[in-house]
Amino acid sequence: MQDSVSSKPKLLVVEDDYENQKFLQIFLKRKFDLEICDSAETFYEKLDQSKFDIILMDISLRGKKDGLQLTRELRATEEYKNLPIVGLSAHAFQKDKDNAYSAGVDVFLTKPVQNDVLMDTLVKTLEEKSGIKA
């Protein structure tokens, strides 16, 4: 029996790698109602169409804006300044981590990340920042 309205928290995955998108979709749909976008353009379309409870942001997006810029833009708005954002990047240097935190991510993870660590981080960040249980 499928409910027409999901009781799962709504997660926006911002990821430009198709293989990563497919994996994340399969893995994360157990606890989240999720949508995926792959660029700044589709990111803003998704935000206009839906309200999200949390965002998984790839820091190294290809295109005009990367995940750091998108995070900074969200944090500068009243509507999204407190939205939980988990940053994800293949870049593991301290400066990458520092840049992500200064842009406004709540948590920074490096790829490859273990499945249980990713899920636990999303669930914990969502609960701590907004009181929503996944």
C-alpha atoms as a PDB file:
ATOM      1  CA  MET A   1       0.000   0.000   0.000  1.00  0.00           C
ATOM      2  CA  GLN A   2       1.530   3.304  -1.111  1.00  0.00           C
ATOM      3  CA  ASP A   3       0.516   6.572   0.488  1.00  0.00           C
ATOM      4  CA  SER A   4      -0.126   9.387  -1.980  1.00  0.00           C
ATOM      5  CA  VAL A   5       1.741  11.741   0.341  1.00  0.00           C
ATOM      6  CA  SER A   6       5.067  10.469   1.615  1.00  0.00           C
ATOM      7  CA  SER A   7       5.757  10.719   5.326  1.00  0.00           C
ATOM      8  CA  LYS A   8       9.486  10.566   4.619  1.00  0.00           C
ATOM      9  CA  PRO A   9      11.575  13.724   4.859  1.00  0.00           C
ATOM     10  CA  LYS A  10      12.206  15.379   1.492  1.00  0.00           C
ATOM     11  CA  LEU A  11      15.847  15.293   0.369  1.00  0.00           C
ATOM     12  CA  LEU A  12      17.342  17.157  -2.583  1.00  0.00           C
ATOM     13  CA  VAL A  13      20.481  15.481  -3.933  1.00  0.00           C
ATOM     14  CA  VAL A  14      22.674  17.868  -5.925  1.00  0.00           C
ATOM     15  CA  GLU A  15      25.073  15.624  -7.847  1.00  0.00           C
ATOM     16  CA  ASP A  16      26.357  15.928 -11.420  1.00  0.00           C
ATOM     17  CA  ASP A  17      27.731  12.390 -11.816  1.00  0.00           C
ATOM     18  CA  TYR A  18      25.111  10.075 -13.293  1.00  0.00           C
ATOM     19  CA  GLU A  19      26.465   6.896 -11.660  1.00  0.00           C
ATOM     20  CA  ASN A  20      26.518   8.573  -8.243  1.00  0.00           C
ATOM     21  CA  GLN A  21      22.966   9.824  -8.819  1.00  0.00           C
ATOM     22  CA  LYS A  22      21.694   6.317  -9.520  1.00  0.00           C
ATOM     23  CA  PHE A  23      23.434   4.826  -6.502  1.00  0.00           C
ATOM     24  CA  LEU A  24      22.251   7.586  -4.160  1.00  0.00           C
ATOM     25  CA  GLN A  25      18.702   7.262  -5.436  1.00  0.00           C
ATOM     26  CA  ILE A  26      18.574   3.524  -4.759  1.00  0.00           C
ATOM     27  CA  PHE A  27      20.287   3.779  -1.397  1.00  0.00           C
ATOM     28  CA  LEU A  28      18.636   6.890   0.073  1.00  0.00           C
ATOM     29  CA  LYS A  29      15.032   6.234  -0.963  1.00  0.00           C
ATOM     30  CA  ARG A  30      14.674   3.862   1.993  1.00  0.00           C
ATOM     31  CA  LYS A  31      14.467   6.791   4.408  1.00  0.00           C
ATOM     32  CA  PHE A  32      13.907   9.822   2.192  1.00  0.00           C
ATOM     33  CA  ASP A  33      11.538  11.110  -0.443  1.00  0.00           C
ATOM     34  CA  LEU A  34      14.215  12.336  -2.805  1.00  0.00           C
ATOM     35  CA  GLU A  35      14.736  14.362  -5.915  1.00  0.00           C
ATOM     36  CA  ILE A  36      17.966  14.743  -7.830  1.00  0.00           C
ATOM     37  CA  CYS A  37      19.388  17.628  -9.810  1.00  0.00           C
ATOM     38  CA  ASP A  38      22.700  17.970 -11.599  1.00  0.00           C
ATOM     39  CA  SER A  39      23.385  21.701 -12.048  1.00  0.00           C
ATOM     40  CA  ALA A  40      22.704  25.161 -10.648  1.00  0.00           C
ATOM     41  CA  GLU A  41      19.938  25.639 -13.203  1.00  0.00           C
ATOM     42  CA  THR A  42      18.059  22.482 -12.284  1.00  0.00           C
ATOM     43  CA  PHE A  43      18.787  23.149  -8.585  1.00  0.00           C
ATOM     44  CA  TYR A  44      16.799  26.381  -8.625  1.00  0.00           C
ATOM     45  CA  GLU A  45      14.004  24.761 -10.649  1.00  0.00           C
ATOM     46  CA  LYS A  46      13.679  22.061  -7.964  1.00  0.00           C
ATOM     47  CA  LEU A  47      13.660  24.656  -5.159  1.00  0.00           C
ATOM     48  CA  ASP A  48      10.884  26.542  -6.931  1.00  0.00           C
ATOM     49  CA  GLN A  49       8.814  23.363  -7.332  1.00  0.00           C
ATOM     50  CA  SER A  50       9.176  21.784  -3.871  1.00  0.00           C
ATOM     51  CA  LYS A  51      10.023  22.388  -0.252  1.00  0.00           C
ATOM     52  CA  PHE A  52      12.934  20.281   0.961  1.00  0.00           C
ATOM     53  CA  ASP A  53      13.854  19.230   4.492  1.00  0.00           C
ATOM     54  CA  ILE A  54      17.561  18.668   3.776  1.00  0.00           C
ATOM     55  CA  ILE A  55      20.072  18.936   0.912  1.00  0.00           C
ATOM     56  CA  LEU A  56      22.984  16.660   0.004  1.00  0.00           C
ATOM     57  CA  MET A  57      25.267  19.034  -1.922  1.00  0.00           C
ATOM     58  CA  ASP A  58      28.083  17.905  -4.198  1.00  0.00           C
ATOM     59  CA  ILE A  59      30.705  20.612  -3.738  1.00  0.00           C
ATOM     60  CA  SER A  60      32.389  20.116  -7.131  1.00  0.00           C
ATOM     61  CA  LEU A  61      29.562  20.640  -9.589  1.00  0.00           C
ATOM     62  CA  ARG A  62      30.431  21.292 -13.208  1.00  0.00           C
ATOM     63  CA  GLY A  63      28.951  24.383 -14.776  1.00  0.00           C
ATOM     64  CA  LYS A  64      28.599  28.039 -13.913  1.00  0.00           C
ATOM     65  CA  LYS A  65      28.198  27.532 -10.168  1.00  0.00           C
ATOM     66  CA  ASP A  66      29.629  24.894  -7.863  1.00  0.00           C
ATOM     67  CA  GLY A  67      28.106  23.556  -4.665  1.00  0.00           C
ATOM     68  CA  LEU A  68      29.943  26.125  -2.549  1.00  0.00           C
ATOM     69  CA  GLN A  69      28.342  28.987  -4.466  1.00  0.00           C
ATOM     70  CA  LEU A  70      24.884  27.395  -4.246  1.00  0.00           C
ATOM     71  CA  THR A  71      25.337  26.892  -0.498  1.00  0.00           C
ATOM     72  CA  ARG A  72      26.404  30.531  -0.013  1.00  0.00           C
ATOM     73  CA  GLU A  73      23.360  31.705  -1.991  1.00  0.00           C
ATOM     74  CA  LEU A  74      21.016  29.576   0.136  1.00  0.00           C
ATOM     75  CA  ARG A  75      22.528  30.810   3.380  1.00  0.00           C
ATOM     76  CA  ALA A  76      22.050  34.420   2.236  1.00  0.00           C
ATOM     77  CA  THR A  77      18.260  33.982   1.983  1.00  0.00           C
ATOM     78  CA  GLU A  78      15.751  34.152   4.809  1.00  0.00           C
ATOM     79  CA  GLU A  79      13.862  31.115   3.527  1.00  0.00           C
ATOM     80  CA  TYR A  80      16.847  28.746   3.342  1.00  0.00           C
ATOM     81  CA  LYS A  81      19.375  30.121   5.820  1.00  0.00           C
ATOM     82  CA  ASN A  82      18.659  27.311   8.310  1.00  0.00           C
ATOM     83  CA  LEU A  83      18.022  24.460   5.871  1.00  0.00           C
ATOM     84  CA  PRO A  84      20.269  21.497   6.727  1.00  0.00           C
ATOM     85  CA  ILE A  85      22.986  21.029   4.086  1.00  0.00           C
ATOM     86  CA  VAL A  86      25.416  18.108   4.005  1.00  0.00           C
ATOM     87  CA  GLY A  87      28.382  18.784   1.724  1.00  0.00           C
ATOM     88  CA  LEU A  88      29.954  15.926  -0.204  1.00  0.00           C
ATOM     89  CA  SER A  89      33.206  16.145  -2.135  1.00  0.00           C
ATOM     90  CA  ALA A  90      35.981  14.031  -3.612  1.00  0.00           C
ATOM     91  CA  HIS A  91      38.381  16.750  -2.449  1.00  0.00           C
ATOM     92  CA  ALA A  92      39.676  15.854   0.993  1.00  0.00           C
ATOM     93  CA  PHE A  93      42.222  18.583   1.698  1.00  0.00           C
ATOM     94  CA  GLN A  94      41.763  20.737   4.801  1.00  0.00           C
ATOM     95  CA  LYS A  95      41.227  23.854   2.641  1.00  0.00           C
ATOM     96  CA  ASP A  96      38.325  22.105   0.863  1.00  0.00           C
ATOM     97  CA  LYS A  97      36.751  21.293   4.204  1.00  0.00           C
ATOM     98  CA  ASP A  98      37.326  24.856   5.453  1.00  0.00           C
ATOM     99  CA  ASN A  99      35.822  26.311   2.260  1.00  0.00           C
ATOM    100  CA  ALA A 100      32.745  24.106   2.593  1.00  0.00           C
ATOM    101  CA  TYR A 101      32.152  25.088   6.215  1.00  0.00           C
ATOM    102  CA  SER A 102      32.695  28.782   5.483  1.00  0.00           C
ATOM    103  CA  ALA A 103      30.167  28.513   2.618  1.00  0.00           C
ATOM    104  CA  GLY A 104      27.636  27.220   5.142  1.00  0.00           C
ATOM    105  CA  VAL A 105      27.431  23.420   5.065  1.00  0.00           C
ATOM    106  CA  ASP A 106      26.432  21.832   8.352  1.00  0.00           C
ATOM    107  CA  VAL A 107      28.499  18.684   7.793  1.00  0.00           C
ATOM    108  CA  PHE A 108      31.242  17.886   5.280  1.00  0.00           C
ATOM    109  CA  LEU A 109      31.871  14.338   4.014  1.00  0.00           C
ATOM    110  CA  THR A 110      34.461  13.134   1.521  1.00  0.00           C
ATOM    111  CA  LYS A 111      33.898  10.630  -1.276  1.00  0.00           C
ATOM    112  CA  PRO A 112      33.967   7.746  -1.208  1.00  0.00           C
ATOM    113  CA  VAL A 113      31.800   7.693   1.881  1.00  0.00           C
ATOM    114  CA  GLN A 114      30.561   4.520   3.538  1.00  0.00           C
ATOM    115  CA  ASN A 115      26.840   3.970   3.056  1.00  0.00           C
ATOM    116  CA  ASP A 116      26.018   3.798   6.746  1.00  0.00           C
ATOM    117  CA  VAL A 117      28.063   6.937   7.480  1.00  0.00           C
ATOM    118  CA  LEU A 118      26.209   8.872   4.766  1.00  0.00           C
ATOM    119  CA  MET A 119      22.778   7.712   5.927  1.00  0.00           C
ATOM    120  CA  ASP A 120      23.560   8.299   9.604  1.00  0.00           C
ATOM    121  CA  THR A 121      24.928  11.778   8.853  1.00  0.00           C
ATOM    122  CA  LEU A 122      21.842  12.793   6.866  1.00  0.00           C
ATOM    123  CA  VAL A 123      19.448  11.448   9.509  1.00  0.00           C
ATOM    124  CA  LYS A 124      21.368  13.002  12.420  1.00  0.00           C
ATOM    125  CA  THR A 125      21.833  16.385  10.719  1.00  0.00           C
ATOM    126  CA  LEU A 126      18.157  16.558   9.782  1.00  0.00           C
ATOM    127  CA  GLU A 127      17.053  15.715  13.318  1.00  0.00           C
ATOM    128  CA  GLU A 128      19.516  18.086  15.009  1.00  0.00           C
ATOM    129  CA  LYS A 129      18.844  21.049  12.708  1.00  0.00           C
ATOM    130  CA  SER A 130      15.097  20.764  12.250  1.00  0.00           C
ATOM    131  CA  GLY A 131      13.768  18.141  14.659  1.00  0.00           C
ATOM    132  CA  ILE A 132      12.541  15.939  11.790  1.00  0.00           C
ATOM    133  CA  LYS A 133      12.999  12.183  12.144  1.00  0.00           C
ATOM    134  CA  ALA A 134      13.792  10.051   9.108  1.00  0.00           C
END
